[in-house]
PDB file of N, CA and C in Angstrom:
ATOM      1  N   MET A   1     -13.171   7.178 -14.978  1.00  0.00           N
ATOM      2  CA  MET A   1     -12.492   7.684 -15.129  1.00  0.00           C
ATOM      3  C   MET A   1     -11.414   8.034 -13.579  1.00  0.00           C
ATOM      4  N   THR A   2     -10.949   7.762 -12.139  1.00  0.00           N
ATOM      5  CA  THR A   2      -9.746   8.190 -11.705  1.00  0.00           C
ATOM      6  C   THR A   2      -8.551   7.079 -12.031  1.00  0.00           C
ATOM      7  N   THR A   3      -8.758   6.296 -13.030  1.00  0.00           N
ATOM      8  CA  THR A   3      -7.474   5.562 -13.538  1.00  0.00           C
ATOM      9  C   THR A   3      -6.996   6.123 -14.659  1.00  0.00           C
ATOM     10  N   GLN A   4      -8.007   7.130 -15.999  1.00  0.00           N
ATOM     11  CA  GLN A   4      -7.539   7.899 -16.462  1.00  0.00           C
ATOM     12  C   GLN A   4      -6.795   9.865 -16.261  1.00  0.00           C
ATOM     13  N   ILE A   5      -7.291   9.757 -14.493  1.00  0.00           N
ATOM     14  CA  ILE A   5      -6.126  10.900 -13.833  1.00  0.00           C
ATOM     15  C   ILE A   5      -4.952  10.969 -13.425  1.00  0.00           C
ATOM     16  N   VAL A   6      -5.683   9.563 -13.021  1.00  0.00           N
ATOM     17  CA  VAL A   6      -3.745   9.306 -12.769  1.00  0.00           C
ATOM     18  C   VAL A   6      -2.948   8.982 -13.309  1.00  0.00           C
ATOM     19  N   GLU A   7      -3.708   8.191 -14.515  1.00  0.00           N
ATOM     20  CA  GLU A   7      -1.857   7.816 -15.903  1.00  0.00           C
ATOM     21  C   GLU A   7      -1.861   9.401 -16.565  1.00  0.00           C
ATOM     22  N   ILE A   8      -2.987   9.917 -16.066  1.00  0.00           N
ATOM     23  CA  ILE A   8      -2.548  11.352 -16.475  1.00  0.00           C
ATOM     24  C   ILE A   8      -1.747  12.398 -15.856  1.00  0.00           C
ATOM     25  N   ALA A   9      -2.146  12.366 -14.440  1.00  0.00           N
ATOM     26  CA  ALA A   9      -0.752  13.040 -13.567  1.00  0.00           C
ATOM     27  C   ALA A   9       0.493  12.797 -13.141  1.00  0.00           C
ATOM     28  N   GLY A  10       0.155  11.064 -13.771  1.00  0.00           N
ATOM     29  CA  GLY A  10       1.793  10.211 -14.036  1.00  0.00           C
ATOM     30  C   GLY A  10       2.339  10.983 -15.443  1.00  0.00           C
ATOM     31  N   GLY A  11       1.441  10.718 -15.547  1.00  0.00           N
ATOM     32  CA  GLY A  11       2.301  11.096 -16.981  1.00  0.00           C
ATOM     33  C   GLY A  11       3.076  13.134 -17.052  1.00  0.00           C
ATOM     34  N   ILE A  12       1.855  13.634 -16.834  1.00  0.00           N
ATOM     35  CA  ILE A  12       2.716  14.882 -15.963  1.00  0.00           C
ATOM     36  C   ILE A  12       3.921  15.016 -15.289  1.00  0.00           C
ATOM     37  N   ALA A  13       4.030  14.629 -14.023  1.00  0.00           N
ATOM     38  CA  ALA A  13       4.815  13.921 -13.097  1.00  0.00           C
ATOM     39  C   ALA A  13       6.169  13.680 -13.772  1.00  0.00           C
ATOM     40  N   THR A  14       6.378  12.880 -14.794  1.00  0.00           N
ATOM     41  CA  THR A  14       7.310  11.989 -15.826  1.00  0.00           C
ATOM     42  C   THR A  14       7.545  13.392 -16.463  1.00  0.00           C
ATOM     43  N   VAL A  15       6.792  13.857 -16.862  1.00  0.00           N
ATOM     44  CA  VAL A  15       7.069  15.553 -18.436  1.00  0.00           C
ATOM     45  C   VAL A  15       8.625  15.982 -17.895  1.00  0.00           C
ATOM     46  N   LEU A  16       7.534  16.963 -16.104  1.00  0.00           N
ATOM     47  CA  LEU A  16       8.870  17.387 -14.912  1.00  0.00           C
ATOM     48  C   LEU A  16      10.171  17.304 -14.993  1.00  0.00           C
ATOM     49  N   PHE A  17       9.816  15.524 -13.875  1.00  0.00           N
ATOM     50  CA  PHE A  17      10.611  14.869 -14.312  1.00  0.00           C
ATOM     51  C   PHE A  17      11.949  14.801 -15.043  1.00  0.00           C
ATOM     52  N   GLY A  18      11.891  14.579 -15.432  1.00  0.00           N
ATOM     53  CA  GLY A  18      12.813  14.827 -16.871  1.00  0.00           C
ATOM     54  C   GLY A  18      12.966  16.180 -17.305  1.00  0.00           C
ATOM     55  N   VAL A  19      12.243  16.760 -17.145  1.00  0.00           N
ATOM     56  CA  VAL A  19      13.195  18.854 -17.594  1.00  0.00           C
ATOM     57  C   VAL A  19      13.973  18.961 -16.572  1.00  0.00           C
ATOM     58  N   VAL A  20      13.152  19.236 -15.261  1.00  0.00           N
ATOM     59  CA  VAL A  20      14.778  18.036 -14.598  1.00  0.00           C
ATOM     60  C   VAL A  20      16.006  17.999 -14.265  1.00  0.00           C
ATOM     61  N   MET A  21      15.460  16.965 -15.233  1.00  0.00           N
ATOM     62  CA  MET A  21      16.453  15.830 -15.529  1.00  0.00           C
ATOM     63  C   MET A  21      17.736  16.725 -16.530  1.00  0.00           C
ATOM     64  N   VAL A  22      16.860  16.857 -17.727  1.00  0.00           N
ATOM     65  CA  VAL A  22      17.889  17.874 -18.358  1.00  0.00           C
ATOM     66  C   VAL A  22      17.955  19.083 -17.234  1.00  0.00           C
ATOM     67  N   LEU A  23      17.311  19.845 -16.909  1.00  0.00           N
ATOM     68  CA  LEU A  23      18.150  21.004 -16.314  1.00  0.00           C
ATOM     69  C   LEU A  23      19.705  20.358 -15.806  1.00  0.00           C
ATOM     70  N   GLN A  24      19.157  19.707 -14.908  1.00  0.00           N
ATOM     71  CA  GLN A  24      20.938  19.124 -13.820  1.00  0.00           C
ATOM     72  C   GLN A  24      22.219  19.139 -14.871  1.00  0.00           C
ATOM     73  N   LEU A  25      21.398  18.158 -15.966  1.00  0.00           N
ATOM     74  CA  LEU A  25      22.288  17.177 -17.011  1.00  0.00           C
ATOM     75  C   LEU A  25      23.710  18.894 -17.107  1.00  0.00           C
ATOM     76  N   PHE A  26      22.140  19.797 -17.915  1.00  0.00           N
ATOM     77  CA  PHE A  26      22.946  21.193 -18.444  1.00  0.00           C
ATOM     78  C   PHE A  26      23.872  21.858 -16.842  1.00  0.00           C
ATOM     79  N   ILE A  27      23.802  22.197 -15.888  1.00  0.00           N
ATOM     80  CA  ILE A  27      24.346  22.277 -14.903  1.00  0.00           C
ATOM     81  C   ILE A  27      25.259  21.430 -14.262  1.00  0.00           C
ATOM     82  N   ALA A  28      25.526  20.242 -14.915  1.00  0.00           N
ATOM     83  CA  ALA A  28      26.791  19.070 -14.538  1.00  0.00           C
ATOM     84  C   ALA A  28      27.897  19.579 -16.252  1.00  0.00           C
ATOM     85  N   VAL A  29      27.199  19.872 -17.531  1.00  0.00           N
ATOM     86  CA  VAL A  29      28.314  19.954 -18.203  1.00  0.00           C
ATOM     87  C   VAL A  29      28.450  21.568 -18.161  1.00  0.00           C
ATOM     88  N   GLY A  30      27.887  22.582 -17.706  1.00  0.00           N
ATOM     89  CA  GLY A  30      28.131  23.425 -17.284  1.00  0.00           C
ATOM     90  C   GLY A  30      26.678  24.534 -18.609  1.00  0.00           C
ATOM     91  N   ILE A  31      26.262  24.413 -19.509  1.00  0.00           N
ATOM     92  CA  ILE A  31      25.860  24.632 -20.297  1.00  0.00           C
ATOM     93  C   ILE A  31      24.866  25.648 -19.629  1.00  0.00           C
ATOM     94  N   ILE A  32      24.096  25.676 -18.408  1.00  0.00           N
ATOM     95  CA  ILE A  32      23.851  26.560 -17.418  1.00  0.00           C
ATOM     96  C   ILE A  32      24.556  26.794 -16.057  1.00  0.00           C
ATOM     97  N   PRO A  33      24.894  28.304 -15.956  1.00  0.00           N
ATOM     98  CA  PRO A  33      25.332  28.939 -15.166  1.00  0.00           C
ATOM     99  C   PRO A  33      25.370  28.047 -13.970  1.00  0.00           C
ATOM    100  N   ILE A  34      26.321  27.813 -13.205  1.00  0.00           N
ATOM    101  CA  ILE A  34      26.379  27.286 -11.338  1.00  0.00           C
ATOM    102  C   ILE A  34      25.582  28.086  -9.872  1.00  0.00           C
ATOM    103  N   THR A  35      26.092  29.572 -11.145  1.00  0.00           N
ATOM    104  CA  THR A  35      24.796  30.462 -10.037  1.00  0.00           C
ATOM    105  C   THR A  35      23.027  30.489 -10.389  1.00  0.00           C
ATOM    106  N   MET A  36      22.741  29.936 -12.243  1.00  0.00           N
ATOM    107  CA  MET A  36      21.670  29.108 -11.087  1.00  0.00           C
ATOM    108  C   MET A  36      21.821  28.338 -10.596  1.00  0.00           C
ATOM    109  N   ALA A  37      21.908  28.012  -9.746  1.00  0.00           N
ATOM    110  CA  ALA A  37      21.583  27.287  -9.605  1.00  0.00           C
ATOM    111  C   ALA A  37      22.226  26.647  -8.031  1.00  0.00           C
ATOM    112  N   TRP A  38      21.955  25.875  -7.617  1.00  0.00           N
ATOM    113  CA  TRP A  38      22.315  25.574  -5.829  1.00  0.00           C
ATOM    114  C   TRP A  38      21.708  26.887  -4.878  1.00  0.00           C
ATOM    115  N   GLY A  39      20.774  28.023  -4.985  1.00  0.00           N
ATOM    116  CA  GLY A  39      21.055  29.172  -4.298  1.00  0.00           C
ATOM    117  C   GLY A  39      21.870  30.078  -4.778  1.00  0.00           C
ATOM    118  N   GLY A  40      22.209  29.304  -5.970  1.00  0.00           N
ATOM    119  CA  GLY A  40      23.468  31.002  -6.263  1.00  0.00           C
ATOM    120  C   GLY A  40      24.289  31.586  -5.243  1.00  0.00           C
ATOM    121  N   ARG A  41      24.038  30.544  -4.606  1.00  0.00           N
ATOM    122  CA  ARG A  41      25.643  30.927  -3.625  1.00  0.00           C
ATOM    123  C   ARG A  41      26.631  30.113  -4.198  1.00  0.00           C
ATOM    124  N   GLN A  42      27.141  29.194  -5.262  1.00  0.00           N
ATOM    125  CA  GLN A  42      28.382  28.864  -6.119  1.00  0.00           C
ATOM    126  C   GLN A  42      28.786  30.061  -7.341  1.00  0.00           C
ATOM    127  N   GLU A  43      29.781  29.779  -7.019  1.00  0.00           N
ATOM    128  CA  GLU A  43      30.155  30.580  -8.219  1.00  0.00           C
ATOM    129  C   GLU A  43      30.876  30.415  -9.254  1.00  0.00           C
ATOM    130  N   ARG A  44      31.559  28.902  -9.081  1.00  0.00           N
ATOM    131  CA  ARG A  44      32.623  28.316  -9.693  1.00  0.00           C
ATOM    132  C   ARG A  44      32.029  26.307  -9.244  1.00  0.00           C
ATOM    133  N   LEU A  45      32.099  25.458 -10.796  1.00  0.00           N
ATOM    134  CA  LEU A  45      31.206  24.734 -11.519  1.00  0.00           C
ATOM    135  C   LEU A  45      31.758  23.776 -10.479  1.00  0.00           C
ATOM    136  N   THR A  46      32.456  23.133  -9.273  1.00  0.00           N
ATOM    137  CA  THR A  46      33.340  22.160  -8.859  1.00  0.00           C
ATOM    138  C   THR A  46      33.316  20.301  -9.620  1.00  0.00           C
ATOM    139  N   VAL A  47      34.235  19.719  -9.361  1.00  0.00           N
ATOM    140  CA  VAL A  47      33.732  18.893 -10.121  1.00  0.00           C
ATOM    141  C   VAL A  47      32.316  17.846  -8.147  1.00  0.00           C
ATOM    142  N   PRO A  48      33.127  18.089  -7.668  1.00  0.00           N
ATOM    143  CA  PRO A  48      31.801  17.872  -6.042  1.00  0.00           C
ATOM    144  C   PRO A  48      30.328  18.078  -6.909  1.00  0.00           C
ATOM    145  N   LEU A  49      30.222  19.413  -7.642  1.00  0.00           N
ATOM    146  CA  LEU A  49      28.830  20.468  -7.914  1.00  0.00           C
ATOM    147  C   LEU A  49      29.315  19.168  -9.181  1.00  0.00           C
ATOM    148  N   ARG A  50      28.977  18.023  -9.945  1.00  0.00           N
ATOM    149  CA  ARG A  50      28.928  18.295 -11.091  1.00  0.00           C
ATOM    150  C   ARG A  50      28.075  16.059 -10.980  1.00  0.00           C
ATOM    151  N   ILE A  51      29.346  16.629  -9.722  1.00  0.00           N
ATOM    152  CA  ILE A  51      29.129  14.565  -9.300  1.00  0.00           C
ATOM    153  C   ILE A  51      27.675  14.816  -8.452  1.00  0.00           C
ATOM    154  N   ALA A  52      26.929  15.686  -8.118  1.00  0.00           N
ATOM    155  CA  ALA A  52      25.564  16.322  -6.643  1.00  0.00           C
ATOM    156  C   ALA A  52      24.835  16.149  -8.492  1.00  0.00           C
ATOM    157  N   SER A  53      25.297  16.850  -8.915  1.00  0.00           N
ATOM    158  CA  SER A  53      23.814  17.076 -10.431  1.00  0.00           C
ATOM    159  C   SER A  53      23.466  15.833 -10.774  1.00  0.00           C
ATOM    160  N   LEU A  54      24.543  15.522 -11.390  1.00  0.00           N
ATOM    161  CA  LEU A  54      24.623  13.320 -12.019  1.00  0.00           C
ATOM    162  C   LEU A  54      23.502  12.975 -10.399  1.00  0.00           C
ATOM    163  N   ALA A  55      24.364  12.447  -9.831  1.00  0.00           N
ATOM    164  CA  ALA A  55      23.236  11.752  -8.887  1.00  0.00           C
ATOM    165  C   ALA A  55      22.026  12.403  -8.398  1.00  0.00           C
ATOM    166  N   ALA A  56      21.712  13.858  -8.988  1.00  0.00           N
ATOM    167  CA  ALA A  56      19.901  14.264  -8.719  1.00  0.00           C
ATOM    168  C   ALA A  56      20.171  13.264  -9.934  1.00  0.00           C
ATOM    169  N   VAL A  57      20.317  13.645 -11.385  1.00  0.00           N
ATOM    170  CA  VAL A  57      19.436  13.197 -12.281  1.00  0.00           C
ATOM    171  C   VAL A  57      19.472  11.775 -12.074  1.00  0.00           C
ATOM    172  N   GLY A  58      20.097  11.290 -11.479  1.00  0.00           N
ATOM    173  CA  GLY A  58      20.270   9.664 -10.889  1.00  0.00           C
ATOM    174  C   GLY A  58      18.274   9.286  -9.831  1.00  0.00           C
ATOM    175  N   ILE A  59      18.408   9.521  -9.827  1.00  0.00           N
ATOM    176  CA  ILE A  59      17.644  10.215  -7.712  1.00  0.00           C
ATOM    177  C   ILE A  59      15.981  10.608  -9.059  1.00  0.00           C
ATOM    178  N   LEU A  60      16.441  11.762  -9.330  1.00  0.00           N
ATOM    179  CA  LEU A  60      15.035  11.885 -10.277  1.00  0.00           C
ATOM    180  C   LEU A  60      14.755  10.765 -10.965  1.00  0.00           C
ATOM    181  N   GLY A  61      15.375  10.072 -11.644  1.00  0.00           N
ATOM    182  CA  GLY A  61      15.417   9.454 -12.831  1.00  0.00           C
ATOM    183  C   GLY A  61      14.416   8.090 -11.797  1.00  0.00           C
ATOM    184  N   PHE A  62      14.999   7.977 -11.206  1.00  0.00           N
ATOM    185  CA  PHE A  62      14.530   6.553  -9.857  1.00  0.00           C
ATOM    186  C   PHE A  62      13.052   7.178  -9.654  1.00  0.00           C
ATOM    187  N   PHE A  63      12.465   8.598  -8.979  1.00  0.00           N
ATOM    188  CA  PHE A  63      11.248   9.239  -8.722  1.00  0.00           C
ATOM    189  C   PHE A  63      10.871   8.495  -9.558  1.00  0.00           C
ATOM    190  N   ALA A  64      10.638   8.707 -11.050  1.00  0.00           N
ATOM    191  CA  ALA A  64      10.179   8.997 -12.310  1.00  0.00           C
ATOM    192  C   ALA A  64      10.153   7.651 -12.107  1.00  0.00           C
ATOM    193  N   TYR A  65      10.885   7.026 -11.897  1.00  0.00           N
ATOM    194  CA  TYR A  65      10.021   5.068 -11.757  1.00  0.00           C
ATOM    195  C   TYR A  65       8.935   4.853 -11.356  1.00  0.00           C
ATOM    196  N   VAL A  66       9.834   5.622 -10.112  1.00  0.00           N
ATOM    197  CA  VAL A  66       8.249   4.992  -8.995  1.00  0.00           C
ATOM    198  C   VAL A  66       7.008   5.179  -9.241  1.00  0.00           C
ATOM    199  N   ILE A  67       7.270   6.660  -9.643  1.00  0.00           N
ATOM    200  CA  ILE A  67       5.773   7.287  -9.787  1.00  0.00           C
ATOM    201  C   ILE A  67       5.073   7.208 -11.180  1.00  0.00           C
ATOM    202  N   ARG A  68       5.724   6.377 -12.282  1.00  0.00           N
ATOM    203  CA  ARG A  68       4.534   5.378 -13.114  1.00  0.00           C
ATOM    204  C   ARG A  68       4.709   4.703 -12.892  1.00  0.00           C
ATOM    205  N   TYR A  69       5.383   3.587 -12.384  1.00  0.00           N
ATOM    206  CA  TYR A  69       5.160   2.798 -11.470  1.00  0.00           C
ATOM    207  C   TYR A  69       3.710   2.575 -11.211  1.00  0.00           C
ATOM    208  N   ARG A  70       3.614   3.086 -10.061  1.00  0.00           N
ATOM    209  CA  ARG A  70       2.541   4.076  -8.853  1.00  0.00           C
ATOM    210  C   ARG A  70       1.680   3.950 -10.489  1.00  0.00           C
ATOM    211  N   ALA A  71       1.495   4.632 -11.177  1.00  0.00           N
ATOM    212  CA  ALA A  71       0.412   5.456 -12.040  1.00  0.00           C
ATOM    213  C   ALA A  71      -0.140   3.889 -12.880  1.00  0.00           C
ATOM    214  N   GLY A  72       0.591   3.067 -12.814  1.00  0.00           N
ATOM    215  CA  GLY A  72      -0.164   2.492 -13.948  1.00  0.00           C
ATOM    216  C   GLY A  72       0.397   2.310 -15.127  1.00  0.00           C
ATOM    217  N   LEU A  73       0.984   2.998 -15.606  1.00  0.00           N
ATOM    218  CA  LEU A  73       2.594   3.392 -15.868  1.00  0.00           C
ATOM    219  C   LEU A  73       3.094   2.777 -17.553  1.00  0.00           C
ATOM    220  N   ILE A  74       3.313   2.070 -15.899  1.00  0.00           N
ATOM    221  CA  ILE A  74       4.715   0.674 -16.797  1.00  0.00           C
ATOM    222  C   ILE A  74       4.460  -0.236 -15.641  1.00  0.00           C
ATOM    223  N   GLU A  75       4.813  -1.764 -16.060  1.00  0.00           N
ATOM    224  CA  GLU A  75       4.121  -2.602 -15.543  1.00  0.00           C
ATOM    225  C   GLU A  75       5.671  -3.375 -15.849  1.00  0.00           C
ATOM    226  N   THR A  76       5.848  -4.282 -14.593  1.00  0.00           N
ATOM    227  CA  THR A  76       7.416  -4.481 -14.700  1.00  0.00           C
ATOM    228  C   THR A  76       7.971  -4.882 -12.980  1.00  0.00           C
ATOM    229  N   PRO A  77       8.162  -6.018 -13.082  1.00  0.00           N
ATOM    230  CA  PRO A  77       8.289  -7.689 -11.834  1.00  0.00           C
ATOM    231  C   PRO A  77       9.020  -6.294 -10.510  1.00  0.00           C
ATOM    232  N   ILE A  78       8.184  -5.800  -9.928  1.00  0.00           N
ATOM    233  CA  ILE A  78       9.022  -4.763  -8.895  1.00  0.00           C
ATOM    234  C   ILE A  78       9.076  -5.650  -7.549  1.00  0.00           C
ATOM    235  N   PRO A  79       9.230  -5.647  -6.034  1.00  0.00           N
ATOM    236  CA  PRO A  79       8.486  -5.825  -5.363  1.00  0.00           C
ATOM    237  C   PRO A  79       7.903  -4.131  -5.198  1.00  0.00           C
ATOM    238  N   SER A  80       7.067  -5.290  -3.291  1.00  0.00           N
ATOM    239  CA  SER A  80       5.737  -4.084  -3.119  1.00  0.00           C
ATOM    240  C   SER A  80       5.854  -3.277  -2.316  1.00  0.00           C
ATOM    241  N   TRP A  81       7.129  -2.201  -2.071  1.00  0.00           N
ATOM    242  CA  TRP A  81       7.974  -1.466  -1.461  1.00  0.00           C
ATOM    243  C   TRP A  81       7.063  -0.644  -2.225  1.00  0.00           C
ATOM    244  N   THR A  82       6.881  -0.262  -3.450  1.00  0.00           N
ATOM    245  CA  THR A  82       6.974   0.945  -4.088  1.00  0.00           C
ATOM    246  C   THR A  82       6.251   1.365  -4.175  1.00  0.00           C
ATOM    247  N   ARG A  83       5.140   1.240  -3.489  1.00  0.00           N
ATOM    248  CA  ARG A  83       3.928   2.129  -2.936  1.00  0.00           C
ATOM    249  C   ARG A  83       3.885   2.542  -1.676  1.00  0.00           C
ATOM    250  N   ILE A  84       5.550   1.906  -0.840  1.00  0.00           N
ATOM    251  CA  ILE A  84       6.398   2.431   0.169  1.00  0.00           C
ATOM    252  C   ILE A  84       7.284   3.977  -0.023  1.00  0.00           C
ATOM    253  N   MET A  85       7.715   3.503  -1.365  1.00  0.00           N
ATOM    254  CA  MET A  85       8.960   4.043  -2.291  1.00  0.00           C
ATOM    255  C   MET A  85       7.766   5.698  -2.818  1.00  0.00           C
ATOM    256  N   ALA A  86       6.992   5.783  -3.589  1.00  0.00           N
ATOM    257  CA  ALA A  86       5.749   7.034  -3.808  1.00  0.00           C
ATOM    258  C   ALA A  86       5.586   7.959  -2.050  1.00  0.00           C
ATOM    259  N   TRP A  87       5.591   7.009  -1.339  1.00  0.00           N
ATOM    260  CA  TRP A  87       4.959   8.181  -0.051  1.00  0.00           C
ATOM    261  C   TRP A  87       6.422   8.791  -0.162  1.00  0.00           C
ATOM    262  N   ILE A  88       7.809   8.340  -0.505  1.00  0.00           N
ATOM    263  CA  ILE A  88       8.945   8.771   0.717  1.00  0.00           C
ATOM    264  C   ILE A  88       9.637  10.053  -0.067  1.00  0.00           C
ATOM    265  N   VAL A  89       8.760   9.663  -1.540  1.00  0.00           N
ATOM    266  CA  VAL A  89       9.337  10.239  -3.285  1.00  0.00           C
ATOM    267  C   VAL A  89       7.887  12.145  -3.043  1.00  0.00           C
ATOM    268  N   THR A  90       7.465  11.417  -2.653  1.00  0.00           N
ATOM    269  CA  THR A  90       6.181  12.649  -1.571  1.00  0.00           C
ATOM    270  C   THR A  90       6.804  13.273  -1.083  1.00  0.00           C
ATOM    271  N   ALA A  91       7.217  12.914  -0.421  1.00  0.00           N
ATOM    272  CA  ALA A  91       7.788  13.734   1.438  1.00  0.00           C
ATOM    273  C   ALA A  91       8.522  14.176   0.469  1.00  0.00           C
ATOM    274  N   TYR A  92       9.069  13.915   0.648  1.00  0.00           N
ATOM    275  CA  TYR A  92      10.841  14.436  -0.324  1.00  0.00           C
ATOM    276  C   TYR A  92      10.713  15.988  -1.202  1.00  0.00           C
ATOM    277  N   LEU A  93       9.633  15.967  -1.664  1.00  0.00           N
ATOM    278  CA  LEU A  93       9.651  16.555  -3.162  1.00  0.00           C
ATOM    279  C   LEU A  93       8.530  17.955  -2.162  1.00  0.00           C
ATOM    280  N   ALA A  94       8.036  18.310  -1.193  1.00  0.00           N
ATOM    281  CA  ALA A  94       6.900  18.155  -0.349  1.00  0.00           C
ATOM    282  C   ALA A  94       7.822  18.099   1.021  1.00  0.00           C
ATOM    283  N   LEU A  95       8.898  18.167   1.884  1.00  0.00           N
ATOM    284  CA  LEU A  95       9.472  19.130   2.421  1.00  0.00           C
ATOM    285  C   LEU A  95      10.562  19.707   1.463  1.00  0.00           C
ATOM    286  N   ASN A  96      11.382  19.940  -0.270  1.00  0.00           N
ATOM    287  CA  ASN A  96      12.194  20.692  -0.459  1.00  0.00           C
ATOM    288  C   ASN A  96      11.923  21.603  -1.376  1.00  0.00           C
ATOM    289  N   SER A  97      10.093  21.525  -1.846  1.00  0.00           N
ATOM    290  CA  SER A  97       9.494  23.211  -1.988  1.00  0.00           C
ATOM    291  C   SER A  97       9.397  23.901  -1.061  1.00  0.00           C
TER     292      SER A  97
END
C-alpha cells in the first residue's frame, strides 16, 4: 500500500511540475503576459526574463525527473545522490512557497 501511495504522489508531482513547465514556456514565448509572473513587477518581457523562464523549465524538468525516480516510477542507472537531491528539491519548493 505504501508503495502505491508513493507512486501516486510521484505522479501527481510530475503532473504539477509539467503544468508549471508549460506555464513557464508560455511566459517565455509571450502567450501569458509577463505581468502575471515575477510578482507582477515586470512590465516588459525582456530577453533575460525569457532566458530565466526557459531555465526554470529545465530546472523543473530535472526536479520532476528526481521525484519520479525516487517514487520508483522510472528506473535508470543514476548515482545514489538522488536521495540527497530529492531533499534539496523539497527544501527548495518549501522555501519558495
